[in-house]
Amino acid sequence: MKMSVLLSDRDGERFCAYCAEKGYKKSTLIARLVREHLDREAFAAQPPLFPVAVRGDQSRTGARGTKRGGGARG
């Protein structure tokens, strides 16, 4: 997932200086800090209440879910 982070000029300068001094890549450090914070908070994402249905065999149904191939059979 790609995210944008907005920092004040002062915080941005401090963060850049910290990363340069310690040898961290900014994106890697931000990802680690977020992960550590979520772990510290013991936050686990909840599964969705209504999971997206997996589409079945598309050869049997048309776009509207009706059976294909069909005139009346007798």
PDB file of N, CA and C in Angstrom:
ATOM      1  N   MET A   1       0.850  -1.165   0.000  1.00  0.00           N
ATOM      2  CA  MET A   1       0.000   0.000   0.000  1.00  0.00           C
ATOM      3  C   MET A   1       0.897   1.229   0.000  1.00  0.00           C
ATOM      4  N   LYS A   2       0.524   2.190  -0.753  1.00  0.00           N
ATOM      5  CA  LYS A   2       1.284   3.429  -0.816  1.00  0.00           C
ATOM      6  C   LYS A   2       0.515   4.498  -0.062  1.00  0.00           C
ATOM      7  N   MET A   3       1.236   5.277   0.777  1.00  0.00           N
ATOM      8  CA  MET A   3       0.612   6.337   1.571  1.00  0.00           C
ATOM      9  C   MET A   3       1.453   7.603   1.467  1.00  0.00           C
ATOM     10  N   SER A   4       0.811   8.724   1.688  1.00  0.00           N
ATOM     11  CA  SER A   4       1.519  10.001   1.778  1.00  0.00           C
ATOM     12  C   SER A   4       1.429  10.482   3.208  1.00  0.00           C
ATOM     13  N   VAL A   5       2.506  11.077   3.683  1.00  0.00           N
ATOM     14  CA  VAL A   5       2.549  11.582   5.053  1.00  0.00           C
ATOM     15  C   VAL A   5       2.894  13.062   4.996  1.00  0.00           C
ATOM     16  N   LEU A   6       2.115  13.880   5.684  1.00  0.00           N
ATOM     17  CA  LEU A   6       2.377  15.312   5.745  1.00  0.00           C
ATOM     18  C   LEU A   6       2.961  15.641   7.116  1.00  0.00           C
ATOM     19  N   LEU A   7       4.117  16.303   7.116  1.00  0.00           N
ATOM     20  CA  LEU A   7       4.764  16.733   8.346  1.00  0.00           C
ATOM     21  C   LEU A   7       4.995  18.234   8.267  1.00  0.00           C
ATOM     22  N   SER A   8       5.074  18.857   9.419  1.00  0.00           N
ATOM     23  CA  SER A   8       5.447  20.274   9.426  1.00  0.00           C
ATOM     24  C   SER A   8       6.876  20.379   8.909  1.00  0.00           C
ATOM     25  N   ASP A   9       7.269  21.559   8.480  1.00  0.00           N
ATOM     26  CA  ASP A   9       8.637  21.742   7.991  1.00  0.00           C
ATOM     27  C   ASP A   9       9.648  21.333   9.054  1.00  0.00           C
ATOM     28  N   ARG A  10       9.394  21.735  10.285  1.00  0.00           N
ATOM     29  CA  ARG A  10      10.324  21.431  11.381  1.00  0.00           C
ATOM     30  C   ARG A  10      10.434  19.921  11.596  1.00  0.00           C
ATOM     31  N   ASP A  11       9.291  19.232  11.683  1.00  0.00           N
ATOM     32  CA  ASP A  11       9.311  17.782  11.890  1.00  0.00           C
ATOM     33  C   ASP A  11       9.918  17.054  10.700  1.00  0.00           C
ATOM     34  N   GLY A  12       9.628  17.530   9.489  1.00  0.00           N
ATOM     35  CA  GLY A  12      10.198  16.925   8.290  1.00  0.00           C
ATOM     36  C   GLY A  12      11.711  17.043   8.262  1.00  0.00           C
ATOM     37  N   GLU A  13      12.216  18.210   8.633  1.00  0.00           N
ATOM     38  CA  GLU A  13      13.664  18.410   8.680  1.00  0.00           C
ATOM     39  C   GLU A  13      14.301  17.522   9.743  1.00  0.00           C
ATOM     40  N   ARG A  14      13.671  17.428  10.898  1.00  0.00           N
ATOM     41  CA  ARG A  14      14.193  16.569  11.972  1.00  0.00           C
ATOM     42  C   ARG A  14      14.209  15.114  11.533  1.00  0.00           C
ATOM     43  N   PHE A  15      13.114  14.680  10.889  1.00  0.00           N
ATOM     44  CA  PHE A  15      13.018  13.294  10.448  1.00  0.00           C
ATOM     45  C   PHE A  15      14.085  12.988   9.399  1.00  0.00           C
ATOM     46  N   CYS A  16      14.253  13.863   8.429  1.00  0.00           N
ATOM     47  CA  CYS A  16      15.270  13.661   7.391  1.00  0.00           C
ATOM     48  C   CYS A  16      16.665  13.619   8.007  1.00  0.00           C
ATOM     49  N   ALA A  17      16.950  14.519   8.938  1.00  0.00           N
ATOM     50  CA  ALA A  17      18.263  14.547   9.592  1.00  0.00           C
ATOM     51  C   ALA A  17      18.487  13.267  10.394  1.00  0.00           C
ATOM     52  N   TYR A  18      17.450  12.815  11.097  1.00  0.00           N
ATOM     53  CA  TYR A  18      17.551  11.580  11.884  1.00  0.00           C
ATOM     54  C   TYR A  18      17.855  10.395  10.976  1.00  0.00           C
ATOM     55  N   CYS A  19      17.114  10.264   9.879  1.00  0.00           N
ATOM     56  CA  CYS A  19      17.323   9.152   8.948  1.00  0.00           C
ATOM     57  C   CYS A  19      18.731   9.190   8.356  1.00  0.00           C
ATOM     58  N   ALA A  20      19.191  10.385   7.985  1.00  0.00           N
ATOM     59  CA  ALA A  20      20.531  10.511   7.407  1.00  0.00           C
ATOM     60  C   ALA A  20      21.597  10.127   8.432  1.00  0.00           C
ATOM     61  N   GLU A  21      21.427  10.586   9.661  1.00  0.00           N
ATOM     62  CA  GLU A  21      22.423  10.305  10.701  1.00  0.00           C
ATOM     63  C   GLU A  21      22.465   8.825  11.080  1.00  0.00           C
ATOM     64  N   LYS A  22      21.294   8.193  11.136  1.00  0.00           N
ATOM     65  CA  LYS A  22      21.214   6.794  11.562  1.00  0.00           C
ATOM     66  C   LYS A  22      21.302   5.797  10.408  1.00  0.00           C
ATOM     67  N   GLY A  23      21.237   6.303   9.167  1.00  0.00           N
ATOM     68  CA  GLY A  23      21.343   5.424   8.005  1.00  0.00           C
ATOM     69  C   GLY A  23      20.053   4.718   7.630  1.00  0.00           C
ATOM     70  N   TYR A  24      18.913   5.306   8.014  1.00  0.00           N
ATOM     71  CA  TYR A  24      17.621   4.709   7.684  1.00  0.00           C
ATOM     72  C   TYR A  24      17.092   5.267   6.375  1.00  0.00           C
ATOM     73  N   LYS A  25      16.387   4.440   5.644  1.00  0.00           N
ATOM     74  CA  LYS A  25      15.604   4.901   4.505  1.00  0.00           C
ATOM     75  C   LYS A  25      14.275   5.383   5.092  1.00  0.00           C
ATOM     76  N   LYS A  26      13.819   6.570   4.696  1.00  0.00           N
ATOM     77  CA  LYS A  26      12.624   7.173   5.316  1.00  0.00           C
ATOM     78  C   LYS A  26      11.398   6.273   5.222  1.00  0.00           C
ATOM     79  N   SER A  27      11.122   5.715   4.049  1.00  0.00           N
ATOM     80  CA  SER A  27       9.915   4.895   3.892  1.00  0.00           C
ATOM     81  C   SER A  27       9.984   3.633   4.749  1.00  0.00           C
ATOM     82  N   THR A  28      11.160   3.026   4.846  1.00  0.00           N
ATOM     83  CA  THR A  28      11.326   1.816   5.645  1.00  0.00           C
ATOM     84  C   THR A  28      11.120   2.114   7.130  1.00  0.00           C
ATOM     85  N   LEU A  29      11.659   3.252   7.587  1.00  0.00           N
ATOM     86  CA  LEU A  29      11.501   3.622   8.992  1.00  0.00           C
ATOM     87  C   LEU A  29      10.046   3.941   9.320  1.00  0.00           C
ATOM     88  N   ILE A  30       9.365   4.656   8.442  1.00  0.00           N
ATOM     89  CA  ILE A  30       7.949   4.969   8.685  1.00  0.00           C
ATOM     90  C   ILE A  30       7.139   3.680   8.765  1.00  0.00           C
ATOM     91  N   ALA A  31       7.368   2.742   7.860  1.00  0.00           N
ATOM     92  CA  ALA A  31       6.643   1.468   7.883  1.00  0.00           C
ATOM     93  C   ALA A  31       6.902   0.734   9.194  1.00  0.00           C
ATOM     94  N   ARG A  32       8.154   0.714   9.641  1.00  0.00           N
ATOM     95  CA  ARG A  32       8.489   0.040  10.897  1.00  0.00           C
ATOM     96  C   ARG A  32       7.827   0.714  12.087  1.00  0.00           C
ATOM     97  N   LEU A  33       7.844   2.051  12.116  1.00  0.00           N
ATOM     98  CA  LEU A  33       7.231   2.782  13.226  1.00  0.00           C
ATOM     99  C   LEU A  33       5.722   2.540  13.293  1.00  0.00           C
ATOM    100  N   VAL A  34       5.067   2.504  12.143  1.00  0.00           N
ATOM    101  CA  VAL A  34       3.623   2.236  12.109  1.00  0.00           C
ATOM    102  C   VAL A  34       3.347   0.825  12.617  1.00  0.00           C
ATOM    103  N   ARG A  35       4.098  -0.152  12.118  1.00  0.00           N
ATOM    104  CA  ARG A  35       3.927  -1.549  12.535  1.00  0.00           C
ATOM    105  C   ARG A  35       4.154  -1.703  14.041  1.00  0.00           C
ATOM    106  N   GLU A  36       5.222  -1.079  14.568  1.00  0.00           N
ATOM    107  CA  GLU A  36       5.507  -1.172  16.001  1.00  0.00           C
ATOM    108  C   GLU A  36       4.410  -0.521  16.836  1.00  0.00           C
ATOM    109  N   HIS A  37       3.879   0.602  16.361  1.00  0.00           N
ATOM    110  CA  HIS A  37       2.796   1.268  17.088  1.00  0.00           C
ATOM    111  C   HIS A  37       1.546   0.384  17.133  1.00  0.00           C
ATOM    112  N   LEU A  38       1.179  -0.201  16.003  1.00  0.00           N
ATOM    113  CA  LEU A  38      -0.001  -1.076  15.966  1.00  0.00           C
ATOM    114  C   LEU A  38       0.200  -2.301  16.852  1.00  0.00           C
ATOM    115  N   ASP A  39       1.410  -2.849  16.877  1.00  0.00           N
ATOM    116  CA  ASP A  39       1.710  -3.992  17.746  1.00  0.00           C
ATOM    117  C   ASP A  39       1.612  -3.596  19.215  1.00  0.00           C
ATOM    118  N   ARG A  40       2.164  -2.436  19.549  1.00  0.00           N
ATOM    119  CA  ARG A  40       2.114  -1.950  20.930  1.00  0.00           C
ATOM    120  C   ARG A  40       0.677  -1.742  21.403  1.00  0.00           C
ATOM    121  N   GLU A  41      -0.166  -1.294  20.508  1.00  0.00           N
ATOM    122  CA  GLU A  41      -1.585  -1.078  20.808  1.00  0.00           C
ATOM    123  C   GLU A  41      -2.386  -2.378  20.746  1.00  0.00           C
ATOM    124  N   ALA A  42      -1.730  -3.460  20.377  1.00  0.00           N
ATOM    125  CA  ALA A  42      -2.369  -4.772  20.223  1.00  0.00           C
ATOM    126  C   ALA A  42      -3.584  -4.679  19.294  1.00  0.00           C
ATOM    127  N   PHE A  43      -3.405  -3.943  18.202  1.00  0.00           N
ATOM    128  CA  PHE A  43      -4.496  -3.776  17.249  1.00  0.00           C
ATOM    129  C   PHE A  43      -4.400  -4.841  16.165  1.00  0.00           C
ATOM    130  N   ALA A  44      -5.462  -5.581  16.003  1.00  0.00           N
ATOM    131  CA  ALA A  44      -5.570  -6.562  14.922  1.00  0.00           C
ATOM    132  C   ALA A  44      -6.784  -6.190  14.090  1.00  0.00           C
ATOM    133  N   ALA A  45      -6.608  -6.107  12.793  1.00  0.00           N
ATOM    134  CA  ALA A  45      -7.721  -5.757  11.912  1.00  0.00           C
ATOM    135  C   ALA A  45      -8.801  -6.826  11.999  1.00  0.00           C
ATOM    136  N   GLN A  46     -10.039  -6.395  12.020  1.00  0.00           N
ATOM    137  CA  GLN A  46     -11.170  -7.317  12.053  1.00  0.00           C
ATOM    138  C   GLN A  46     -11.483  -7.785  10.635  1.00  0.00           C
ATOM    139  N   PRO A  47     -11.875  -9.034  10.481  1.00  0.00           N
ATOM    140  CA  PRO A  47     -12.263  -9.484   9.133  1.00  0.00           C
ATOM    141  C   PRO A  47     -13.538  -8.760   8.705  1.00  0.00           C
ATOM    142  N   PRO A  48     -13.729  -8.577   7.411  1.00  0.00           N
ATOM    143  CA  PRO A  48     -14.936  -7.886   6.944  1.00  0.00           C
ATOM    144  C   PRO A  48     -16.205  -8.642   7.328  1.00  0.00           C
ATOM    145  N   LEU A  49     -17.254  -7.883   7.630  1.00  0.00           N
ATOM    146  CA  LEU A  49     -18.537  -8.499   7.977  1.00  0.00           C
ATOM    147  C   LEU A  49     -19.179  -9.184   6.775  1.00  0.00           C
ATOM    148  N   PHE A  50     -18.995  -8.598   5.615  1.00  0.00           N
ATOM    149  CA  PHE A  50     -19.594  -9.131   4.398  1.00  0.00           C
ATOM    150  C   PHE A  50     -18.487  -9.360   3.378  1.00  0.00           C
ATOM    151  N   PRO A  51     -17.835 -10.522   3.442  1.00  0.00           N
ATOM    152  CA  PRO A  51     -16.739 -10.779   2.506  1.00  0.00           C
ATOM    153  C   PRO A  51     -17.232 -10.780   1.066  1.00  0.00           C
ATOM    154  N   VAL A  52     -16.368 -10.367   0.177  1.00  0.00           N
ATOM    155  CA  VAL A  52     -16.704 -10.344  -1.246  1.00  0.00           C
ATOM    156  C   VAL A  52     -16.805 -11.778  -1.727  1.00  0.00           C
ATOM    157  N   ALA A  53     -17.897 -12.092  -2.392  1.00  0.00           N
ATOM    158  CA  ALA A  53     -18.103 -13.450  -2.899  1.00  0.00           C
ATOM    159  C   ALA A  53     -17.115 -13.725  -4.017  1.00  0.00           C
ATOM    160  N   VAL A  54     -16.588 -14.920  -4.034  1.00  0.00           N
ATOM    161  CA  VAL A  54     -15.691 -15.335  -5.104  1.00  0.00           C
ATOM    162  C   VAL A  54     -16.553 -15.719  -6.283  1.00  0.00           C
ATOM    163  N   ARG A  55     -16.213 -15.181  -7.430  1.00  0.00           N
ATOM    164  CA  ARG A  55     -17.013 -15.476  -8.618  1.00  0.00           C
ATOM    165  C   ARG A  55     -16.807 -16.914  -9.034  1.00  0.00           C
ATOM    166  N   GLY A  56     -17.895 -17.586  -9.282  1.00  0.00           N
ATOM    167  CA  GLY A  56     -17.853 -18.993  -9.682  1.00  0.00           C
ATOM    168  C   GLY A  56     -17.583 -19.159 -11.154  1.00  0.00           C
ATOM    169  N   ASP A  57     -18.017 -20.275 -11.677  1.00  0.00           N
ATOM    170  CA  ASP A  57     -17.811 -20.614 -13.077  1.00  0.00           C
ATOM    171  C   ASP A  57     -18.597 -19.658 -13.950  1.00  0.00           C
ATOM    172  N   GLN A  58     -17.897 -18.803 -14.672  1.00  0.00           N
ATOM    173  CA  GLN A  58     -18.535 -17.783 -15.495  1.00  0.00           C
ATOM    174  C   GLN A  58     -19.135 -18.348 -16.783  1.00  0.00           C
ATOM    175  N   SER A  59     -18.777 -19.602 -17.122  1.00  0.00           N
ATOM    176  CA  SER A  59     -19.284 -20.144 -18.373  1.00  0.00           C
ATOM    177  C   SER A  59     -20.771 -20.492 -18.286  1.00  0.00           C
ATOM    178  N   ARG A  60     -21.277 -20.623 -17.090  1.00  0.00           N
ATOM    179  CA  ARG A  60     -22.683 -21.014 -16.934  1.00  0.00           C
ATOM    180  C   ARG A  60     -23.639 -19.831 -16.895  1.00  0.00           C
ATOM    181  N   THR A  61     -23.133 -18.681 -16.472  1.00  0.00           N
ATOM    182  CA  THR A  61     -24.041 -17.553 -16.327  1.00  0.00           C
ATOM    183  C   THR A  61     -23.586 -16.381 -17.168  1.00  0.00           C
ATOM    184  N   GLY A  62     -24.519 -15.575 -17.583  1.00  0.00           N
ATOM    185  CA  GLY A  62     -24.225 -14.363 -18.328  1.00  0.00           C
ATOM    186  C   GLY A  62     -23.972 -13.216 -17.370  1.00  0.00           C
ATOM    187  N   ALA A  63     -23.926 -12.015 -17.910  1.00  0.00           N
ATOM    188  CA  ALA A  63     -23.609 -10.835 -17.120  1.00  0.00           C
ATOM    189  C   ALA A  63     -24.639 -10.587 -16.025  1.00  0.00           C
ATOM    190  N   ARG A  64     -25.869 -10.974 -16.260  1.00  0.00           N
ATOM    191  CA  ARG A  64     -26.918 -10.724 -15.270  1.00  0.00           C
ATOM    192  C   ARG A  64     -27.227 -11.953 -14.434  1.00  0.00           C
ATOM    193  N   GLY A  65     -26.383 -12.949 -14.519  1.00  0.00           N
ATOM    194  CA  GLY A  65     -26.585 -14.133 -13.699  1.00  0.00           C
ATOM    195  C   GLY A  65     -27.604 -15.104 -14.247  1.00  0.00           C
ATOM    196  N   THR A  66     -28.030 -14.917 -15.498  1.00  0.00           N
ATOM    197  CA  THR A  66     -29.007 -15.828 -16.083  1.00  0.00           C
ATOM    198  C   THR A  66     -28.274 -16.897 -16.870  1.00  0.00           C
ATOM    199  N   LYS A  67     -28.879 -18.054 -16.999  1.00  0.00           N
ATOM    200  CA  LYS A  67     -28.276 -19.151 -17.745  1.00  0.00           C
ATOM    201  C   LYS A  67     -28.147 -18.764 -19.206  1.00  0.00           C
ATOM    202  N   ARG A  68     -27.017 -19.170 -19.793  1.00  0.00           N
ATOM    203  CA  ARG A  68     -26.791 -18.897 -21.212  1.00  0.00           C
ATOM    204  C   ARG A  68     -27.349 -20.033 -22.075  1.00  0.00           C
ATOM    205  N   GLY A  69     -27.431 -19.749 -23.346  1.00  0.00           N
ATOM    206  CA  GLY A  69     -27.717 -20.767 -24.328  1.00  0.00           C
ATOM    207  C   GLY A  69     -29.166 -21.105 -24.434  1.00  0.00           C
ATOM    208  N   GLY A  70     -29.971 -20.195 -24.076  1.00  0.00           N
ATOM    209  CA  GLY A  70     -31.249 -20.753 -23.930  1.00  0.00           C
ATOM    210  C   GLY A  70     -32.461 -20.314 -24.599  1.00  0.00           C
ATOM    211  N   GLY A  71     -32.859 -20.959 -25.601  1.00  0.00           N
ATOM    212  CA  GLY A  71     -34.237 -20.841 -26.033  1.00  0.00           C
ATOM    213  C   GLY A  71     -35.049 -21.847 -25.247  1.00  0.00           C
ATOM    214  N   ALA A  72     -36.305 -21.902 -25.536  1.00  0.00           N
ATOM    215  CA  ALA A  72     -37.173 -22.840 -24.831  1.00  0.00           C
ATOM    216  C   ALA A  72     -36.867 -24.263 -25.298  1.00  0.00           C
ATOM    217  N   ARG A  73     -36.853 -25.155 -24.366  1.00  0.00           N
ATOM    218  CA  ARG A  73     -36.638 -26.561 -24.734  1.00  0.00           C
ATOM    219  C   ARG A  73     -37.941 -27.308 -24.536  1.00  0.00           C
ATOM    220  N   GLY A  74     -38.127 -28.261 -25.336  1.00  0.00           N
ATOM    221  CA  GLY A  74     -39.397 -28.916 -25.235  1.00  0.00           C
ATOM    222  C   GLY A  74     -39.438 -30.324 -25.240  1.00  0.00           C
TER     223      GLY A  74
END
